[in-house]
């Protein structure tokens, strides 16, 4: 349930070819430490290029964040991607809203995020794959650092089962 299915060094390692092989045509995206550093409104150039590549390849994108509308809306507007704030992850409520908004089947959908206890668990609860990425920046929030410590046994299990850093 918490062990990653896929673990990527960062979001830019997720390719349209990988998604096509899995039948994925739409991605739900976390914001903090997935697309940008925690709390930042700046999009790294590499991530900007990745978003453009996804759009050019027909991959539909929508942000689903647990953060507030005030945090998520300006960021989503700036990068030209729709959003759902207060996504309630690990509950599947925000993911279900996002899927309906995108008009895709669950089998066509994946979630991209950096946390096992929110993103991975939300995807598992909703029955969609989660493409876990390593955090974009070091965690400065004490609660997140604590959760990262709790995630370590599940990351180790991923590698013990033959998982690779993609």
N, C-alpha and C. Protein backbone atom coordinates (compact mmCIF):
# COMPACT_ATOMS: atom_id res chain seq x y z
N UNK A 1 0.82 -1.19 0.00
CA UNK A 1 0.00 0.00 0.00
C UNK A 1 0.86 1.26 0.00
N UNK A 2 1.91 1.30 0.80
CA UNK A 2 2.77 2.48 0.86
C UNK A 2 4.06 2.34 0.07
N UNK A 3 4.43 1.11 -0.24
CA UNK A 3 5.63 0.91 -1.04
C UNK A 3 5.39 1.46 -2.45
N UNK A 4 6.30 2.28 -2.95
CA UNK A 4 6.08 2.84 -4.30
C UNK A 4 5.96 1.76 -5.36
N UNK A 5 5.17 2.05 -6.38
CA UNK A 5 5.11 1.21 -7.58
C UNK A 5 6.25 1.61 -8.51
N UNK A 6 6.48 2.91 -8.58
CA UNK A 6 7.52 3.50 -9.42
C UNK A 6 8.15 4.62 -8.61
N UNK A 7 9.47 4.77 -8.74
CA UNK A 7 10.18 5.83 -8.03
C UNK A 7 11.10 6.52 -9.03
N UNK A 8 10.86 7.80 -9.23
CA UNK A 8 11.63 8.60 -10.19
C UNK A 8 12.53 9.58 -9.44
N UNK A 9 13.71 9.83 -10.01
CA UNK A 9 14.64 10.79 -9.40
C UNK A 9 14.01 12.18 -9.32
N UNK A 10 13.24 12.55 -10.32
CA UNK A 10 12.48 13.79 -10.30
C UNK A 10 11.42 13.71 -11.40
N UNK A 11 10.55 14.67 -11.44
CA UNK A 11 9.41 14.63 -12.35
C UNK A 11 9.84 14.63 -13.82
N UNK A 12 10.98 15.23 -14.12
CA UNK A 12 11.42 15.31 -15.52
C UNK A 12 11.83 13.95 -16.08
N UNK A 13 11.98 12.95 -15.21
CA UNK A 13 12.34 11.60 -15.67
C UNK A 13 11.13 10.82 -16.17
N UNK A 14 9.95 11.33 -15.93
CA UNK A 14 8.72 10.70 -16.42
C UNK A 14 8.56 11.12 -17.88
N UNK A 15 8.54 10.16 -18.77
CA UNK A 15 8.51 10.47 -20.21
C UNK A 15 7.16 10.12 -20.84
N UNK A 16 6.83 10.77 -21.94
CA UNK A 16 5.62 10.39 -22.67
C UNK A 16 5.65 8.92 -23.10
N UNK A 17 6.83 8.39 -23.42
CA UNK A 17 6.95 6.99 -23.82
C UNK A 17 6.57 6.07 -22.66
N UNK A 18 7.06 6.36 -21.46
CA UNK A 18 6.71 5.58 -20.28
C UNK A 18 5.20 5.59 -20.08
N UNK A 19 4.61 6.78 -20.18
CA UNK A 19 3.16 6.91 -19.97
C UNK A 19 2.38 6.12 -21.02
N UNK A 20 2.80 6.22 -22.27
CA UNK A 20 2.12 5.48 -23.34
C UNK A 20 2.17 3.97 -23.09
N UNK A 21 3.34 3.47 -22.65
CA UNK A 21 3.49 2.04 -22.35
C UNK A 21 2.51 1.59 -21.27
N UNK A 22 2.17 2.48 -20.37
CA UNK A 22 1.26 2.15 -19.26
C UNK A 22 -0.19 2.51 -19.58
N UNK A 23 -0.45 3.10 -20.75
CA UNK A 23 -1.81 3.49 -21.13
C UNK A 23 -2.30 4.74 -20.42
N UNK A 24 -1.39 5.54 -19.92
CA UNK A 24 -1.73 6.75 -19.16
C UNK A 24 -1.81 7.94 -20.11
N UNK A 25 -2.94 8.63 -20.08
CA UNK A 25 -3.15 9.80 -20.93
C UNK A 25 -3.35 11.08 -20.13
N UNK A 26 -3.42 10.96 -18.80
CA UNK A 26 -3.64 12.13 -17.95
C UNK A 26 -2.89 11.97 -16.64
N UNK A 27 -2.33 13.08 -16.16
CA UNK A 27 -1.59 13.08 -14.90
C UNK A 27 -2.19 14.08 -13.93
N UNK A 28 -2.33 13.65 -12.69
CA UNK A 28 -2.67 14.53 -11.59
C UNK A 28 -1.37 14.87 -10.89
N UNK A 29 -1.12 16.15 -10.69
CA UNK A 29 0.18 16.61 -10.21
C UNK A 29 0.09 17.25 -8.83
N UNK A 30 0.96 16.83 -7.93
CA UNK A 30 1.15 17.51 -6.66
C UNK A 30 2.00 18.75 -6.94
N UNK A 31 1.99 19.71 -6.04
CA UNK A 31 2.77 20.94 -6.25
C UNK A 31 4.06 20.93 -5.43
N UNK A 32 3.92 21.01 -4.11
CA UNK A 32 5.09 21.22 -3.25
C UNK A 32 6.03 20.03 -3.27
N UNK A 33 7.27 20.31 -3.65
CA UNK A 33 8.37 19.35 -3.77
C UNK A 33 8.16 18.32 -4.87
N UNK A 34 7.19 18.57 -5.74
CA UNK A 34 7.00 17.76 -6.94
C UNK A 34 7.24 18.64 -8.16
N UNK A 35 6.48 19.73 -8.27
CA UNK A 35 6.67 20.69 -9.37
C UNK A 35 7.60 21.82 -9.00
N UNK A 36 7.62 22.18 -7.73
CA UNK A 36 8.43 23.30 -7.25
C UNK A 36 8.80 23.05 -5.79
N UNK A 37 9.71 23.86 -5.27
CA UNK A 37 10.09 23.74 -3.86
C UNK A 37 8.90 24.08 -2.98
N UNK A 38 8.88 23.55 -1.78
CA UNK A 38 7.78 23.76 -0.85
C UNK A 38 7.51 25.26 -0.66
N UNK A 39 6.28 25.68 -0.95
CA UNK A 39 5.88 27.07 -0.76
C UNK A 39 6.30 28.03 -1.86
N UNK A 40 7.06 27.57 -2.84
CA UNK A 40 7.56 28.45 -3.89
C UNK A 40 6.51 28.69 -4.97
N UNK A 41 6.57 29.85 -5.59
CA UNK A 41 5.73 30.16 -6.75
C UNK A 41 6.56 30.08 -8.04
N UNK A 42 7.84 29.75 -7.93
CA UNK A 42 8.73 29.68 -9.07
C UNK A 42 8.79 28.27 -9.63
N UNK A 43 8.68 28.17 -10.94
CA UNK A 43 8.76 26.87 -11.61
C UNK A 43 10.17 26.69 -12.16
N UNK A 44 10.88 25.65 -11.76
CA UNK A 44 12.22 25.41 -12.32
C UNK A 44 12.14 25.24 -13.84
N UNK A 45 13.15 25.71 -14.55
CA UNK A 45 13.17 25.63 -16.02
C UNK A 45 12.99 24.20 -16.54
N UNK A 46 13.65 23.26 -15.89
CA UNK A 46 13.54 21.86 -16.33
C UNK A 46 12.10 21.36 -16.22
N UNK A 47 11.41 21.76 -15.16
CA UNK A 47 10.02 21.34 -14.97
C UNK A 47 9.13 22.05 -15.97
N UNK A 48 9.44 23.30 -16.26
CA UNK A 48 8.70 24.05 -17.28
C UNK A 48 8.80 23.34 -18.64
N UNK A 49 9.99 22.91 -18.99
CA UNK A 49 10.19 22.17 -20.23
C UNK A 49 9.45 20.84 -20.22
N UNK A 50 9.46 20.16 -19.08
CA UNK A 50 8.75 18.89 -18.95
C UNK A 50 7.25 19.07 -19.15
N UNK A 51 6.69 20.11 -18.54
CA UNK A 51 5.25 20.38 -18.70
C UNK A 51 4.91 20.61 -20.17
N UNK A 52 5.75 21.37 -20.85
CA UNK A 52 5.52 21.64 -22.28
C UNK A 52 5.59 20.35 -23.10
N UNK A 53 6.55 19.51 -22.78
CA UNK A 53 6.67 18.22 -23.48
C UNK A 53 5.42 17.37 -23.27
N UNK A 54 4.93 17.33 -22.05
CA UNK A 54 3.72 16.56 -21.76
C UNK A 54 2.54 17.10 -22.57
N UNK A 55 2.37 18.41 -22.57
CA UNK A 55 1.26 19.02 -23.30
C UNK A 55 1.38 18.73 -24.80
N UNK A 56 2.59 18.86 -25.35
CA UNK A 56 2.81 18.61 -26.78
C UNK A 56 2.51 17.15 -27.14
N UNK A 57 2.65 16.26 -26.19
CA UNK A 57 2.39 14.84 -26.42
C UNK A 57 0.97 14.43 -26.05
N UNK A 58 0.12 15.41 -25.81
CA UNK A 58 -1.28 15.13 -25.55
C UNK A 58 -1.61 14.60 -24.17
N UNK A 59 -0.69 14.72 -23.23
CA UNK A 59 -0.95 14.28 -21.86
C UNK A 59 -1.72 15.40 -21.16
N UNK A 60 -2.87 15.06 -20.65
CA UNK A 60 -3.70 16.04 -19.94
C UNK A 60 -3.17 16.17 -18.51
N UNK A 61 -3.13 17.40 -18.01
CA UNK A 61 -2.54 17.68 -16.71
C UNK A 61 -3.51 18.45 -15.82
N UNK A 62 -3.51 18.11 -14.55
CA UNK A 62 -4.31 18.83 -13.58
C UNK A 62 -3.63 18.73 -12.22
N UNK A 63 -3.49 19.85 -11.55
CA UNK A 63 -2.90 19.87 -10.21
C UNK A 63 -3.95 19.46 -9.19
N UNK A 64 -3.57 18.56 -8.27
CA UNK A 64 -4.39 18.22 -7.11
C UNK A 64 -3.49 18.38 -5.89
N UNK A 65 -3.76 19.40 -5.11
CA UNK A 65 -2.92 19.73 -3.96
C UNK A 65 -3.75 19.76 -2.69
N UNK A 66 -3.14 19.43 -1.58
CA UNK A 66 -3.79 19.57 -0.28
C UNK A 66 -3.70 21.01 0.22
N UNK A 67 -2.97 21.83 -0.49
CA UNK A 67 -2.78 23.21 -0.06
C UNK A 67 -4.00 24.06 -0.36
N UNK A 68 -3.98 25.28 0.13
CA UNK A 68 -5.12 26.20 0.00
C UNK A 68 -5.24 26.77 -1.42
N UNK A 69 -6.41 27.29 -1.70
CA UNK A 69 -6.65 27.97 -2.98
C UNK A 69 -5.69 29.14 -3.16
N UNK A 70 -5.40 29.88 -2.09
CA UNK A 70 -4.50 31.03 -2.17
C UNK A 70 -3.09 30.61 -2.56
N UNK A 71 -2.67 29.43 -2.17
CA UNK A 71 -1.35 28.92 -2.53
C UNK A 71 -1.34 28.34 -3.94
N UNK A 72 -2.36 27.55 -4.26
CA UNK A 72 -2.35 26.76 -5.49
C UNK A 72 -2.78 27.56 -6.73
N UNK A 73 -3.83 28.37 -6.61
CA UNK A 73 -4.39 29.06 -7.78
C UNK A 73 -3.38 29.94 -8.51
N UNK A 74 -2.63 30.80 -7.83
CA UNK A 74 -1.67 31.63 -8.57
C UNK A 74 -0.60 30.81 -9.28
N UNK A 75 -0.15 29.74 -8.63
CA UNK A 75 0.86 28.88 -9.24
C UNK A 75 0.29 28.18 -10.47
N UNK A 76 -0.89 27.59 -10.33
CA UNK A 76 -1.53 26.87 -11.44
C UNK A 76 -1.81 27.82 -12.60
N UNK A 77 -2.30 29.01 -12.31
CA UNK A 77 -2.57 30.00 -13.37
C UNK A 77 -1.29 30.38 -14.10
N UNK A 78 -0.22 30.58 -13.34
CA UNK A 78 1.06 30.98 -13.93
C UNK A 78 1.59 29.93 -14.90
N UNK A 79 1.37 28.65 -14.59
CA UNK A 79 1.92 27.60 -15.45
C UNK A 79 0.89 27.06 -16.45
N UNK A 80 -0.33 27.59 -16.40
CA UNK A 80 -1.34 27.21 -17.38
C UNK A 80 -1.90 25.81 -17.21
N UNK A 81 -2.08 25.39 -15.96
CA UNK A 81 -2.63 24.07 -15.66
C UNK A 81 -3.80 24.26 -14.70
N UNK A 82 -4.89 23.55 -14.94
CA UNK A 82 -6.03 23.61 -14.02
C UNK A 82 -5.66 23.03 -12.67
N UNK A 83 -6.52 23.27 -11.68
CA UNK A 83 -6.16 22.81 -10.34
C UNK A 83 -7.38 22.49 -9.49
N UNK A 84 -7.11 21.69 -8.48
CA UNK A 84 -8.03 21.44 -7.38
C UNK A 84 -7.22 21.64 -6.11
N UNK A 85 -7.64 22.59 -5.30
CA UNK A 85 -6.96 22.81 -4.01
C UNK A 85 -7.73 22.05 -2.93
N UNK A 86 -7.14 21.93 -1.76
CA UNK A 86 -7.74 21.20 -0.65
C UNK A 86 -8.21 19.82 -1.13
N UNK A 87 -7.29 19.09 -1.77
CA UNK A 87 -7.59 17.80 -2.38
C UNK A 87 -7.86 16.66 -1.42
N UNK A 88 -7.62 16.87 -0.13
CA UNK A 88 -7.92 15.89 0.92
C UNK A 88 -7.15 14.59 0.79
N UNK A 89 -5.99 14.59 0.12
CA UNK A 89 -5.18 13.38 0.05
C UNK A 89 -4.71 13.03 1.46
N UNK A 90 -4.80 11.81 1.91
CA UNK A 90 -4.87 10.56 1.18
C UNK A 90 -6.28 10.07 0.84
N UNK A 91 -7.31 10.80 1.22
CA UNK A 91 -8.65 10.41 0.78
C UNK A 91 -8.73 10.58 -0.73
N UNK A 92 -9.55 9.81 -1.40
CA UNK A 92 -9.62 9.88 -2.86
C UNK A 92 -10.56 10.96 -3.42
N UNK A 93 -11.12 11.80 -2.56
CA UNK A 93 -12.13 12.77 -2.99
C UNK A 93 -11.62 13.71 -4.08
N UNK A 94 -10.48 14.33 -3.87
CA UNK A 94 -9.92 15.26 -4.86
C UNK A 94 -9.54 14.56 -6.15
N UNK A 95 -9.08 13.32 -6.05
CA UNK A 95 -8.71 12.56 -7.25
C UNK A 95 -9.95 12.24 -8.08
N UNK A 96 -11.04 11.90 -7.41
CA UNK A 96 -12.28 11.60 -8.12
C UNK A 96 -12.80 12.85 -8.83
N UNK A 97 -12.75 13.99 -8.16
CA UNK A 97 -13.15 15.26 -8.80
C UNK A 97 -12.29 15.55 -10.01
N UNK A 98 -10.98 15.34 -9.87
CA UNK A 98 -10.04 15.60 -10.96
C UNK A 98 -10.32 14.69 -12.16
N UNK A 99 -10.55 13.43 -11.91
CA UNK A 99 -10.82 12.49 -13.00
C UNK A 99 -12.08 12.90 -13.76
N UNK A 100 -13.12 13.27 -13.03
CA UNK A 100 -14.35 13.72 -13.70
C UNK A 100 -14.10 14.98 -14.51
N UNK A 101 -13.32 15.90 -13.97
CA UNK A 101 -13.02 17.14 -14.68
C UNK A 101 -12.25 16.86 -15.97
N UNK A 102 -11.33 15.92 -15.92
CA UNK A 102 -10.53 15.57 -17.10
C UNK A 102 -11.30 14.70 -18.08
N UNK A 103 -12.33 14.01 -17.60
CA UNK A 103 -13.13 13.15 -18.48
C UNK A 103 -12.40 11.92 -18.97
N UNK A 104 -11.60 11.30 -18.09
CA UNK A 104 -10.85 10.10 -18.46
C UNK A 104 -11.26 8.95 -17.53
N UNK A 105 -10.94 7.74 -17.95
CA UNK A 105 -11.16 6.55 -17.12
C UNK A 105 -10.01 6.42 -16.12
N UNK A 106 -10.26 5.73 -15.04
CA UNK A 106 -9.18 5.53 -14.05
C UNK A 106 -7.96 4.88 -14.66
N UNK A 107 -8.17 3.93 -15.56
CA UNK A 107 -7.02 3.21 -16.15
C UNK A 107 -6.14 4.13 -16.99
N UNK A 108 -6.61 5.32 -17.32
CA UNK A 108 -5.84 6.28 -18.12
C UNK A 108 -5.14 7.32 -17.25
N UNK A 109 -5.29 7.21 -15.95
CA UNK A 109 -4.90 8.26 -15.03
C UNK A 109 -3.81 7.79 -14.08
N UNK A 110 -2.89 8.70 -13.76
CA UNK A 110 -1.88 8.44 -12.72
C UNK A 110 -1.68 9.72 -11.92
N UNK A 111 -1.22 9.55 -10.70
CA UNK A 111 -0.89 10.67 -9.82
C UNK A 111 0.62 10.76 -9.71
N UNK A 112 1.15 11.99 -9.74
CA UNK A 112 2.57 12.22 -9.54
C UNK A 112 2.73 13.02 -8.26
N UNK A 113 3.51 12.48 -7.31
CA UNK A 113 3.72 13.17 -6.05
C UNK A 113 4.95 12.67 -5.33
N UNK A 114 5.31 13.37 -4.27
CA UNK A 114 6.56 13.08 -3.57
C UNK A 114 6.38 12.43 -2.20
N UNK A 115 5.15 12.31 -1.71
CA UNK A 115 4.96 11.78 -0.36
C UNK A 115 4.17 10.47 -0.37
N UNK A 116 4.64 9.51 0.38
CA UNK A 116 3.97 8.22 0.44
C UNK A 116 2.68 8.26 1.26
N UNK A 117 2.69 9.03 2.36
CA UNK A 117 1.53 9.04 3.26
C UNK A 117 0.38 9.91 2.75
N UNK A 118 0.61 10.68 1.74
CA UNK A 118 -0.48 11.46 1.13
C UNK A 118 -0.71 10.99 -0.30
N UNK A 119 0.28 11.20 -1.16
CA UNK A 119 0.11 10.90 -2.58
C UNK A 119 -0.02 9.41 -2.87
N UNK A 120 0.92 8.61 -2.40
CA UNK A 120 0.89 7.17 -2.68
C UNK A 120 -0.37 6.54 -2.09
N UNK A 121 -0.69 6.91 -0.89
CA UNK A 121 -1.86 6.35 -0.24
C UNK A 121 -3.16 6.80 -0.93
N UNK A 122 -3.22 8.05 -1.38
CA UNK A 122 -4.40 8.54 -2.10
C UNK A 122 -4.60 7.75 -3.40
N UNK A 123 -3.53 7.54 -4.14
CA UNK A 123 -3.62 6.76 -5.37
C UNK A 123 -4.07 5.34 -5.11
N UNK A 124 -3.52 4.72 -4.07
CA UNK A 124 -3.91 3.36 -3.70
C UNK A 124 -5.39 3.33 -3.33
N UNK A 125 -5.84 4.31 -2.54
CA UNK A 125 -7.25 4.37 -2.14
C UNK A 125 -8.18 4.55 -3.34
N UNK A 126 -7.71 5.26 -4.36
CA UNK A 126 -8.54 5.52 -5.54
C UNK A 126 -8.35 4.47 -6.64
N UNK A 127 -7.32 3.66 -6.52
CA UNK A 127 -7.10 2.60 -7.50
C UNK A 127 -6.38 3.05 -8.76
N UNK A 128 -5.48 4.03 -8.61
CA UNK A 128 -4.69 4.48 -9.76
C UNK A 128 -3.21 4.41 -9.41
N UNK A 129 -2.35 4.27 -10.43
CA UNK A 129 -0.91 4.24 -10.14
C UNK A 129 -0.40 5.60 -9.67
N UNK A 130 0.63 5.53 -8.86
CA UNK A 130 1.29 6.74 -8.38
C UNK A 130 2.74 6.70 -8.82
N UNK A 131 3.16 7.75 -9.49
CA UNK A 131 4.54 7.90 -9.92
C UNK A 131 5.21 8.77 -8.86
N UNK A 132 5.88 8.10 -7.93
CA UNK A 132 6.51 8.81 -6.82
C UNK A 132 7.82 9.43 -7.30
N UNK A 133 8.00 10.69 -6.96
CA UNK A 133 9.24 11.38 -7.30
C UNK A 133 9.97 11.74 -6.01
N UNK A 134 11.28 11.77 -6.09
CA UNK A 134 12.05 12.22 -4.94
C UNK A 134 11.80 13.72 -4.78
N UNK A 135 11.80 14.22 -3.53
CA UNK A 135 11.50 15.63 -3.30
C UNK A 135 12.44 16.54 -4.09
N UNK A 136 11.85 17.61 -4.61
CA UNK A 136 12.60 18.56 -5.44
C UNK A 136 13.62 19.35 -4.62
N UNK A 137 13.31 19.59 -3.36
CA UNK A 137 14.19 20.39 -2.50
C UNK A 137 14.19 19.81 -1.10
N UNK A 138 15.20 20.13 -0.31
CA UNK A 138 15.21 19.65 1.08
C UNK A 138 13.98 20.17 1.83
N UNK A 139 13.45 19.34 2.71
CA UNK A 139 12.28 19.73 3.48
C UNK A 139 12.67 20.64 4.63
N UNK A 140 11.99 21.76 4.74
CA UNK A 140 12.26 22.70 5.83
C UNK A 140 11.21 22.59 6.92
N UNK A 141 10.09 22.01 6.64
CA UNK A 141 8.99 21.87 7.60
C UNK A 141 9.23 20.62 8.46
N UNK A 142 9.22 20.79 9.76
CA UNK A 142 9.54 19.70 10.69
C UNK A 142 8.60 18.50 10.52
N UNK A 143 7.31 18.74 10.34
CA UNK A 143 6.36 17.65 10.18
C UNK A 143 6.64 16.82 8.93
N UNK A 144 7.02 17.49 7.85
CA UNK A 144 7.34 16.77 6.60
C UNK A 144 8.63 15.98 6.78
N UNK A 145 9.62 16.56 7.45
CA UNK A 145 10.87 15.82 7.71
C UNK A 145 10.59 14.56 8.51
N UNK A 146 9.69 14.65 9.47
CA UNK A 146 9.33 13.48 10.28
C UNK A 146 8.67 12.41 9.40
N UNK A 147 7.74 12.82 8.53
CA UNK A 147 7.10 11.85 7.63
C UNK A 147 8.11 11.23 6.69
N UNK A 148 9.08 12.00 6.23
CA UNK A 148 10.12 11.43 5.35
C UNK A 148 10.88 10.32 6.08
N UNK A 149 11.13 10.53 7.35
CA UNK A 149 11.80 9.50 8.15
C UNK A 149 10.93 8.24 8.20
N UNK A 150 9.63 8.40 8.37
CA UNK A 150 8.72 7.26 8.44
C UNK A 150 8.58 6.56 7.08
N UNK A 151 8.86 7.26 6.00
CA UNK A 151 8.76 6.68 4.66
C UNK A 151 9.92 5.75 4.33
N UNK A 152 11.03 5.89 5.01
CA UNK A 152 12.26 5.18 4.64
C UNK A 152 12.11 3.65 4.56
N UNK A 153 11.43 2.98 5.49
CA UNK A 153 11.29 1.52 5.35
C UNK A 153 10.56 1.12 4.05
N UNK A 154 9.62 1.93 3.61
CA UNK A 154 8.88 1.61 2.39
C UNK A 154 9.74 1.84 1.14
N UNK A 155 10.60 2.85 1.21
CA UNK A 155 11.53 3.10 0.10
C UNK A 155 12.53 1.94 0.03
N UNK A 156 13.03 1.52 1.19
CA UNK A 156 13.96 0.38 1.21
C UNK A 156 13.29 -0.87 0.66
N UNK A 157 12.02 -1.10 1.01
CA UNK A 157 11.29 -2.26 0.52
C UNK A 157 11.17 -2.21 -1.01
N UNK A 158 10.94 -1.04 -1.56
CA UNK A 158 10.86 -0.87 -3.02
C UNK A 158 12.14 -1.39 -3.68
N UNK A 159 13.28 -1.00 -3.15
CA UNK A 159 14.55 -1.42 -3.73
C UNK A 159 14.82 -2.91 -3.47
N UNK A 160 14.45 -3.42 -2.30
CA UNK A 160 14.64 -4.84 -2.00
C UNK A 160 13.82 -5.72 -2.94
N UNK A 161 12.67 -5.21 -3.37
CA UNK A 161 11.81 -5.97 -4.30
C UNK A 161 12.26 -5.83 -5.75
N UNK A 162 13.42 -5.19 -5.96
CA UNK A 162 13.95 -5.05 -7.30
C UNK A 162 13.62 -3.75 -7.99
N UNK A 163 12.99 -2.83 -7.28
CA UNK A 163 12.67 -1.52 -7.86
C UNK A 163 13.92 -0.73 -8.18
N UNK A 164 13.82 0.09 -9.19
CA UNK A 164 14.96 0.93 -9.60
C UNK A 164 14.55 2.39 -9.56
N UNK A 165 15.54 3.23 -9.34
CA UNK A 165 15.32 4.67 -9.43
C UNK A 165 15.28 5.03 -10.90
N UNK A 166 14.12 5.42 -11.36
CA UNK A 166 13.94 5.72 -12.78
C UNK A 166 14.31 7.17 -13.09
